[in-house]
N, C-alpha and C. Protein backbone atom coordinates (compact mmCIF):
# COMPACT_ATOMS: atom_id res chain seq x y z
N MET A 1 6.48 20.41 -221.12
CA MET A 1 6.75 21.17 -220.49
C MET A 1 6.71 21.64 -218.83
N ILE A 2 6.62 21.08 -218.18
CA ILE A 2 6.13 21.19 -216.77
C ILE A 2 5.44 22.94 -216.35
N ARG A 3 4.20 22.07 -216.79
CA ARG A 3 3.75 23.94 -215.63
C ARG A 3 3.89 24.31 -214.87
N GLU A 4 3.65 23.29 -213.41
CA GLU A 4 4.02 24.12 -211.79
C GLU A 4 4.45 22.33 -211.04
N PHE A 5 4.55 22.80 -209.92
CA PHE A 5 4.76 21.77 -209.07
C PHE A 5 3.47 22.49 -207.82
N HIS A 6 3.60 20.74 -208.57
CA HIS A 6 1.85 20.43 -207.55
C HIS A 6 2.38 20.55 -205.63
N GLN A 7 2.98 19.96 -205.57
CA GLN A 7 2.61 19.17 -204.13
C GLN A 7 4.49 18.99 -203.98
N THR A 8 5.25 19.62 -202.79
CA THR A 8 6.38 18.72 -202.48
C THR A 8 6.20 18.81 -201.09
N SER A 9 7.07 17.64 -200.31
CA SER A 9 7.09 17.72 -198.78
C SER A 9 8.26 16.50 -198.77
N LEU A 10 8.89 17.38 -197.34
CA LEU A 10 10.20 16.10 -196.85
C LEU A 10 10.40 15.92 -195.50
N ARG A 11 9.91 15.09 -195.40
CA ARG A 11 10.48 14.62 -193.22
C ARG A 11 11.56 14.62 -193.52
N GLY A 12 11.82 14.03 -192.23
CA GLY A 12 13.62 13.37 -191.55
C GLY A 12 13.38 13.36 -189.74
N ARG A 13 14.05 12.37 -189.72
CA ARG A 13 14.13 12.05 -188.46
C ARG A 13 16.33 11.99 -188.03
N ASN A 14 15.87 11.86 -186.92
CA ASN A 14 17.68 11.67 -186.27
C ASN A 14 16.72 11.27 -185.12
N SER A 15 17.65 10.36 -185.10
CA SER A 15 18.44 9.57 -182.87
C SER A 15 20.06 10.09 -182.84
N PHE A 16 20.40 10.53 -181.71
CA PHE A 16 21.76 11.49 -181.29
C PHE A 16 21.93 10.83 -180.33
N GLY A 17 23.27 10.83 -180.18
CA GLY A 17 23.91 9.79 -179.48
C GLY A 17 24.88 8.72 -179.84
N VAL A 18 25.19 8.29 -178.64
CA VAL A 18 26.16 7.27 -178.71
C VAL A 18 26.16 6.44 -177.01
N GLU A 19 25.74 5.41 -176.91
CA GLU A 19 25.95 4.73 -175.79
C GLU A 19 26.75 3.70 -175.67
N GLN A 20 27.19 3.63 -174.67
CA GLN A 20 28.07 2.69 -174.38
C GLN A 20 27.77 1.74 -173.60
N HIS A 21 27.11 0.29 -174.24
CA HIS A 21 27.10 -1.27 -173.06
C HIS A 21 27.62 -1.81 -172.57
N GLY A 22 29.11 -1.75 -172.10
CA GLY A 22 30.09 -2.84 -172.40
C GLY A 22 31.40 -3.24 -173.82
N ALA A 23 31.22 -3.97 -174.03
CA ALA A 23 31.47 -4.20 -176.10
C ALA A 23 30.34 -3.46 -176.86
N GLU A 24 28.97 -2.88 -176.38
CA GLU A 24 28.50 -2.92 -177.65
C GLU A 24 28.46 -1.62 -177.70
N THR A 25 28.34 -0.81 -178.87
CA THR A 25 27.95 0.64 -178.56
C THR A 25 26.96 0.87 -180.12
N PHE A 26 26.73 2.22 -179.72
CA PHE A 26 25.44 2.13 -180.61
C PHE A 26 25.34 3.80 -180.81
N TYR A 27 25.08 3.63 -182.69
CA TYR A 27 25.54 5.01 -183.32
C TYR A 27 24.41 5.38 -183.74
N ASN A 28 24.19 6.92 -183.99
CA ASN A 28 23.39 7.75 -184.76
C ASN A 28 22.76 6.93 -185.78
N TRP A 29 21.28 7.17 -186.30
CA TRP A 29 21.26 6.58 -187.28
C TRP A 29 20.28 7.79 -188.37
N ALA A 30 19.70 8.30 -189.07
CA ALA A 30 18.50 8.94 -189.78
C ALA A 30 17.75 8.76 -190.61
N PHE A 31 16.29 8.82 -190.72
CA PHE A 31 15.49 8.58 -191.68
C PHE A 31 15.81 9.57 -191.81
N GLY A 32 14.44 9.46 -193.72
CA GLY A 32 14.68 10.60 -194.48
C GLY A 32 13.57 10.18 -196.25
N SER A 33 12.51 11.76 -196.57
CA SER A 33 12.04 11.42 -197.42
C SER A 33 11.61 12.69 -198.09
N ILE A 34 11.22 12.57 -199.62
CA ILE A 34 10.80 13.98 -200.04
C ILE A 34 9.59 12.85 -201.03
N SER A 35 9.25 13.34 -201.58
CA SER A 35 8.05 13.52 -202.32
C SER A 35 7.49 14.92 -203.79
N THR A 36 7.34 14.50 -203.94
CA THR A 36 6.81 15.77 -205.13
C THR A 36 6.17 15.34 -206.39
N THR A 37 4.78 16.16 -207.24
CA THR A 37 4.24 16.00 -207.48
C THR A 37 4.25 16.96 -209.00
N PHE A 38 4.47 16.95 -210.14
CA PHE A 38 4.63 17.67 -210.82
C PHE A 38 3.54 17.63 -211.60
N THR A 39 2.39 18.95 -212.12
CA THR A 39 1.64 19.06 -212.93
C THR A 39 1.96 19.15 -214.17
N LEU A 40 1.33 18.46 -215.34
CA LEU A 40 1.87 18.76 -216.72
C LEU A 40 0.18 18.88 -217.48
N PRO A 41 0.73 19.68 -218.45
CA PRO A 41 -1.12 19.97 -219.60
C PRO A 41 -1.27 18.76 -219.67
N ALA A 42 -2.95 18.81 -220.32
CA ALA A 42 -3.37 17.66 -220.20
C ALA A 42 -3.80 16.86 -219.08
N LYS A 43 -3.88 17.67 -217.91
CA LYS A 43 -3.49 16.82 -216.95
C LYS A 43 -3.26 15.30 -216.43
N PHE A 44 -2.02 15.42 -216.74
CA PHE A 44 -0.98 14.39 -216.53
C PHE A 44 -0.56 14.75 -215.51
N TYR A 45 0.08 14.22 -214.37
CA TYR A 45 1.02 13.99 -212.88
C TYR A 45 2.05 13.57 -212.83
N ILE A 46 2.95 14.26 -213.03
CA ILE A 46 3.81 12.56 -212.13
C ILE A 46 4.28 13.05 -210.85
N ASP A 47 3.95 11.49 -210.12
CA ASP A 47 4.55 11.30 -208.42
C ASP A 47 6.08 10.97 -208.28
N LEU A 48 6.57 11.59 -207.54
CA LEU A 48 7.92 10.86 -207.56
C LEU A 48 8.39 10.75 -205.99
N SER A 49 8.59 10.14 -205.78
CA SER A 49 9.21 10.50 -203.79
C SER A 49 10.24 9.07 -203.79
N TYR A 50 10.99 10.19 -203.09
CA TYR A 50 12.56 9.20 -202.14
C TYR A 50 12.54 8.33 -200.55
N ASN A 51 13.48 7.50 -200.04
CA ASN A 51 13.14 7.40 -198.93
C ASN A 51 14.79 7.41 -198.82
N TYR A 52 15.10 7.68 -197.39
CA TYR A 52 16.19 7.20 -197.07
C TYR A 52 16.45 6.74 -195.50
N GLN A 53 17.29 5.80 -195.52
CA GLN A 53 17.50 5.37 -194.23
C GLN A 53 19.24 5.26 -194.42
N SER A 54 19.35 6.37 -192.74
CA SER A 54 21.04 5.92 -192.91
C SER A 54 21.74 4.53 -192.40
N ARG A 55 23.12 4.04 -192.23
CA ARG A 55 23.65 3.84 -192.17
C ARG A 55 23.22 2.97 -190.47
N ILE A 56 22.42 1.51 -189.14
CA ILE A 56 22.54 1.56 -188.24
C ILE A 56 23.10 0.43 -187.53
N ASP A 57 23.83 0.77 -186.72
CA ASP A 57 24.75 -0.06 -185.73
C ASP A 57 24.16 0.31 -184.43
N LEU A 58 24.43 -1.08 -183.76
CA LEU A 58 23.87 -1.76 -183.27
C LEU A 58 24.58 -3.29 -182.80
N GLY A 59 26.14 -2.68 -181.93
CA GLY A 59 26.35 -4.17 -180.79
C GLY A 59 26.67 -4.46 -181.77
N ASN A 60 27.51 -5.47 -182.79
CA ASN A 60 28.18 -5.94 -183.08
C ASN A 60 26.81 -6.31 -184.95
N CYS A 61 25.95 -5.66 -184.49
CA CYS A 61 25.37 -5.46 -185.98
C CYS A 61 25.37 -4.53 -186.71
N TRP A 62 25.11 -4.82 -188.37
CA TRP A 62 25.02 -3.54 -189.01
C TRP A 62 23.96 -3.65 -190.08
N VAL A 63 23.13 -2.68 -190.36
CA VAL A 63 22.38 -2.18 -192.20
C VAL A 63 23.32 -1.66 -192.60
N GLU A 64 23.33 -1.43 -193.51
CA GLU A 64 24.08 -0.74 -194.07
C GLU A 64 22.76 0.51 -195.12
N PRO A 65 23.04 1.40 -195.62
CA PRO A 65 21.56 2.85 -196.04
C PRO A 65 21.00 2.34 -196.40
N ASP A 66 19.83 2.25 -197.05
CA ASP A 66 19.25 2.03 -197.60
C ASP A 66 18.32 3.85 -198.42
N HIS A 67 18.17 2.95 -199.57
CA HIS A 67 17.36 4.26 -200.72
C HIS A 67 16.46 3.63 -201.61
N ARG A 68 15.39 4.05 -201.56
CA ARG A 68 14.03 3.26 -201.96
C ARG A 68 13.46 5.00 -203.22
N LEU A 69 13.23 4.47 -204.14
CA LEU A 69 12.68 5.64 -204.83
C LEU A 69 11.40 5.06 -205.80
N GLN A 70 10.38 5.79 -205.80
CA GLN A 70 9.06 5.88 -206.75
C GLN A 70 8.97 6.42 -207.51
N ALA A 71 8.34 5.97 -208.26
CA ALA A 71 7.88 7.18 -209.55
C ALA A 71 7.10 6.75 -209.94
N GLY A 72 5.51 7.28 -210.76
CA GLY A 72 4.70 7.57 -210.80
C GLY A 72 4.09 8.54 -211.95
N VAL A 73 3.10 7.79 -212.77
CA VAL A 73 2.21 8.85 -213.84
C VAL A 73 0.72 8.70 -213.90
N LYS A 74 0.12 10.02 -213.44
CA LYS A 74 -1.17 9.73 -213.40
C LYS A 74 -2.01 10.90 -214.81
N LYS A 75 -3.25 10.11 -215.13
CA LYS A 75 -4.02 11.58 -216.23
C LYS A 75 -5.40 11.29 -215.46
N ARG A 76 -5.93 11.98 -215.28
CA ARG A 76 -7.22 12.25 -214.73
C ARG A 76 -8.14 12.22 -216.12
N PHE A 77 -9.81 12.11 -215.92
CA PHE A 77 -10.03 12.64 -217.32
C PHE A 77 -11.54 12.82 -216.88
N GLY A 78 -11.99 14.25 -216.47
CA GLY A 78 -12.98 15.02 -216.10
C GLY A 78 -12.08 15.18 -214.44
N ASP A 79 -13.82 15.56 -214.03
CA ASP A 79 -13.62 15.22 -212.32
C ASP A 79 -13.18 14.33 -211.77
N ARG A 80 -13.99 12.71 -212.88
CA ARG A 80 -14.04 11.88 -212.02
C ARG A 80 -13.28 10.74 -211.91
N PHE A 81 -12.55 10.21 -213.04
CA PHE A 81 -11.94 9.23 -213.72
C PHE A 81 -10.28 9.12 -213.48
N THR A 82 -9.60 9.01 -212.91
CA THR A 82 -8.02 8.82 -212.66
C THR A 82 -7.86 7.53 -213.36
N ALA A 83 -6.81 7.74 -214.27
CA ALA A 83 -5.71 5.89 -214.46
C ALA A 83 -4.10 6.14 -213.73
N SER A 84 -3.33 5.50 -213.24
CA SER A 84 -2.57 5.41 -213.03
C SER A 84 -1.51 4.40 -212.83
N PHE A 85 -0.05 4.80 -212.75
CA PHE A 85 0.93 3.71 -213.42
C PHE A 85 2.38 4.46 -212.34
N SER A 86 2.03 3.01 -211.73
CA SER A 86 3.63 3.19 -210.36
C SER A 86 5.20 2.49 -210.48
N VAL A 87 6.13 2.65 -210.07
CA VAL A 87 6.81 1.73 -209.92
C VAL A 87 7.31 1.58 -208.65
N GLN A 88 7.03 1.27 -207.60
CA GLN A 88 7.85 0.95 -205.93
C GLN A 88 9.22 0.58 -206.00
N ASN A 89 10.26 1.35 -206.13
CA ASN A 89 11.68 0.37 -205.88
C ASN A 89 12.05 0.51 -206.93
N LEU A 90 12.20 1.66 -207.09
CA LEU A 90 13.26 1.67 -209.12
C LEU A 90 14.40 1.55 -208.94
N LEU A 91 15.20 1.34 -207.83
CA LEU A 91 16.83 1.22 -207.75
C LEU A 91 16.57 -0.65 -207.23
N ASP A 92 16.07 -1.36 -207.07
CA ASP A 92 15.80 -2.38 -206.12
C ASP A 92 17.35 -3.10 -206.15
N GLN A 93 17.23 -2.81 -205.32
CA GLN A 93 18.42 -2.55 -203.94
C GLN A 93 17.93 -3.77 -203.21
N GLY A 94 18.81 -4.77 -202.12
CA GLY A 94 18.48 -5.63 -201.49
C GLY A 94 19.36 -4.12 -200.28
N GLN A 95 18.81 -5.43 -199.02
CA GLN A 95 19.75 -4.38 -198.15
C GLN A 95 20.58 -5.46 -197.12
N VAL A 96 21.69 -4.14 -196.81
CA VAL A 96 23.08 -5.45 -196.67
C VAL A 96 22.65 -5.07 -195.67
N ILE A 97 22.67 -7.00 -194.29
CA ILE A 97 22.79 -6.63 -192.98
C ILE A 97 24.50 -7.75 -193.01
N GLY A 98 25.11 -6.92 -191.46
CA GLY A 98 26.52 -7.69 -191.33
C GLY A 98 26.70 -7.89 -190.16
N ALA A 99 27.40 -8.45 -189.09
CA ALA A 99 27.56 -8.78 -188.32
C ALA A 99 29.41 -8.93 -187.44
N HIS A 100 29.62 -8.53 -186.89
CA HIS A 100 30.94 -9.77 -186.58
C HIS A 100 31.53 -10.09 -184.81
N GLY A 101 32.49 -10.51 -185.09
CA GLY A 101 33.11 -11.05 -183.34
C GLY A 101 33.88 -11.54 -184.04
N ASP A 102 34.42 -12.25 -182.07
CA ASP A 102 36.32 -12.57 -181.65
C ASP A 102 36.57 -13.58 -183.75
N GLY A 103 36.75 -12.47 -184.36
CA GLY A 103 37.56 -13.83 -185.75
C GLY A 103 36.72 -13.52 -187.03
N PHE A 104 35.44 -12.89 -186.87
CA PHE A 104 34.43 -12.97 -188.18
C PHE A 104 33.60 -11.96 -188.24
N VAL A 105 33.45 -11.42 -189.26
CA VAL A 105 33.46 -10.21 -189.96
C VAL A 105 31.63 -11.29 -191.21
N ARG A 106 30.39 -11.31 -191.49
CA ARG A 106 29.59 -11.80 -191.94
C ARG A 106 29.23 -10.58 -192.69
N THR A 107 28.31 -10.94 -194.05
CA THR A 107 27.86 -9.93 -194.31
C THR A 107 26.52 -10.46 -195.13
N MET A 108 24.94 -9.92 -195.58
CA MET A 108 24.44 -10.69 -196.36
C MET A 108 24.05 -9.54 -196.77
N ASN A 109 22.77 -10.11 -198.12
CA ASN A 109 21.97 -9.00 -198.52
C ASN A 109 20.85 -9.80 -198.89
N ALA A 110 20.28 -8.98 -198.23
CA ALA A 110 18.63 -9.66 -197.37
C ALA A 110 17.50 -8.91 -198.80
N ARG A 111 17.16 -9.83 -199.05
CA ARG A 111 15.56 -9.46 -200.33
C ARG A 111 14.64 -10.01 -199.59
N GLN A 112 14.44 -9.08 -199.68
CA GLN A 112 12.54 -9.92 -198.99
C GLN A 112 12.07 -9.19 -199.96
N THR A 113 10.64 -10.63 -200.37
CA THR A 113 9.48 -10.36 -201.05
C THR A 113 8.61 -8.68 -201.22
N TRP A 114 8.30 -8.38 -199.83
CA TRP A 114 7.35 -6.65 -200.24
C TRP A 114 8.86 -5.68 -200.57
N SER A 115 10.33 -5.86 -200.84
CA SER A 115 10.71 -4.98 -200.77
C SER A 115 11.74 -5.25 -202.33
N ASN A 116 11.17 -6.04 -203.35
CA ASN A 116 10.96 -6.22 -204.34
C ASN A 116 10.42 -4.98 -205.57
N ARG A 117 11.43 -4.73 -206.38
CA ARG A 117 10.66 -4.10 -207.33
C ARG A 117 9.26 -4.00 -207.57
N SER A 118 7.97 -2.80 -208.05
CA SER A 118 7.15 -4.41 -208.79
C SER A 118 6.49 -2.69 -209.37
N PHE A 119 5.39 -3.11 -209.91
CA PHE A 119 4.77 -2.14 -211.15
C PHE A 119 3.13 -2.14 -210.93
N ARG A 120 2.29 -0.90 -210.79
CA ARG A 120 0.73 -0.96 -209.58
C ARG A 120 0.89 -0.36 -210.84
N ILE A 121 -0.44 -1.21 -211.30
CA ILE A 121 -1.92 -0.09 -212.54
C ILE A 121 -3.09 0.20 -211.56
N GLY A 122 -3.52 1.69 -211.67
CA GLY A 122 -5.05 1.83 -210.66
C GLY A 122 -5.71 3.10 -212.04
N LEU A 123 -7.37 2.09 -211.42
CA LEU A 123 -7.66 3.33 -212.41
C LEU A 123 -8.39 3.68 -211.04
N THR A 124 -9.65 4.83 -210.59
CA THR A 124 -10.12 5.38 -209.97
C THR A 124 -11.10 6.37 -209.91
N TYR A 125 -12.68 5.56 -209.55
CA TYR A 125 -13.25 6.67 -210.30
C TYR A 125 -14.46 6.97 -208.71
N ASN A 126 -14.11 8.38 -208.73
CA ASN A 126 -14.99 9.20 -207.90
C ASN A 126 -16.65 9.50 -208.38
N PHE A 127 -17.90 8.18 -207.66
CA PHE A 127 -19.00 8.61 -207.39
C PHE A 127 -19.33 10.56 -207.13
N LYS A 128 -19.62 10.56 -208.27
CA LYS A 128 -20.83 12.38 -207.41
C LYS A 128 -19.90 12.75 -206.71
N SER A 129 -18.42 13.43 -207.77
CA SER A 129 -17.48 13.71 -207.05
C SER A 129 -17.30 15.41 -206.96
N GLY A 130 -17.19 15.78 -205.65
CA GLY A 130 -17.20 16.77 -205.25
C GLY A 130 -19.23 17.38 -205.43
N LYS A 131 -19.60 16.75 -205.32
CA LYS A 131 -21.62 16.92 -205.29
C LYS A 131 -21.82 16.72 -203.14
N ALA A 132 -22.87 17.93 -203.06
CA ALA A 132 -22.53 17.81 -201.44
C ALA A 132 -24.56 16.49 -201.68
N PHE A 133 -24.67 16.14 -200.86
CA PHE A 133 -25.69 15.26 -200.77
C PHE A 133 -27.02 15.29 -200.06
N LYS A 134 -28.20 15.70 -200.79
CA LYS A 134 -29.27 15.96 -199.70
C LYS A 134 -30.00 14.70 -199.00
N ARG A 135 -30.18 15.38 -197.55
CA ARG A 135 -31.05 14.21 -196.89
C ARG A 135 -32.27 15.37 -197.06
N LYS A 136 -32.81 14.23 -196.41
CA LYS A 136 -34.14 14.33 -195.16
C LYS A 136 -33.80 14.20 -194.49
N ALA A 137 -34.57 15.02 -193.58
CA ALA A 137 -35.70 15.52 -191.77
C ALA A 137 -35.75 14.03 -191.79
N VAL A 138 -35.81 12.98 -190.72
CA VAL A 138 -36.82 11.98 -190.45
C VAL A 138 -37.55 11.82 -189.38
N GLU A 139 -37.90 11.91 -188.78
CA GLU A 139 -39.22 12.41 -187.63
C GLU A 139 -39.03 10.88 -186.69
N ALA A 140 -38.42 11.12 -185.56
CA ALA A 140 -37.84 9.72 -185.16
C ALA A 140 -38.52 9.18 -184.15
N GLY A 141 -39.28 10.58 -183.40
CA GLY A 141 -40.14 10.39 -181.85
C GLY A 141 -41.33 11.07 -181.63
N SER A 142 -41.45 11.42 -180.72
CA SER A 142 -42.94 12.25 -180.27
C SER A 142 -42.43 13.72 -179.84
N ALA A 143 -43.14 14.38 -179.84
CA ALA A 143 -43.64 15.84 -179.43
C ALA A 143 -42.62 15.90 -177.91
N ASP A 144 -43.17 15.18 -177.32
CA ASP A 144 -42.85 15.25 -175.78
C ASP A 144 -41.34 14.86 -175.20
N GLU A 145 -40.82 14.22 -176.42
CA GLU A 145 -38.49 13.36 -176.98
C GLU A 145 -38.74 14.73 -176.86
N LYS A 146 -39.07 15.13 -178.18
CA LYS A 146 -38.21 16.09 -178.60
C LYS A 146 -38.20 17.44 -177.55
N ASN A 147 -39.08 17.93 -176.61
CA ASN A 147 -39.05 18.91 -175.85
C ASN A 147 -38.29 18.57 -174.76
N ARG A 148 -38.04 17.11 -174.20
CA ARG A 148 -37.13 16.70 -173.06
C ARG A 148 -35.31 17.41 -173.80
N LEU A 149 -34.99 17.02 -174.80
CA LEU A 149 -33.77 17.12 -174.77
C LEU A 149 -33.46 18.84 -175.79
């Protein structure tokens, strides 16, 4: 059973306007993302995030909408140690790019190594987590120099 929402954030950006430059037209596009963390019993956490890019039209080229979904699980052990596992790009979609001209229309599904589905395992240890460091005062000058300051 989910105990509480730990954190939720929503961001977005939209560019408005239609510009006409000869035969080329540029349209609106939007970007958005949302992320949340669920707190579970026994110091387990579920992280989810989603990113969206609308269709982008630039002259005779376009990029179809893009959706990215990430999910992860974290487990805290005490106050210092955390183990995590996450999957990036769960939907594992390529990005469709197209172009048109006099008598032709071409589309391609672009798949980049950096945008493929990936799995991550993490181990984090916080040294002296939550404790303040004590520092000793060091005399670094003569009394005359201190008086000048």
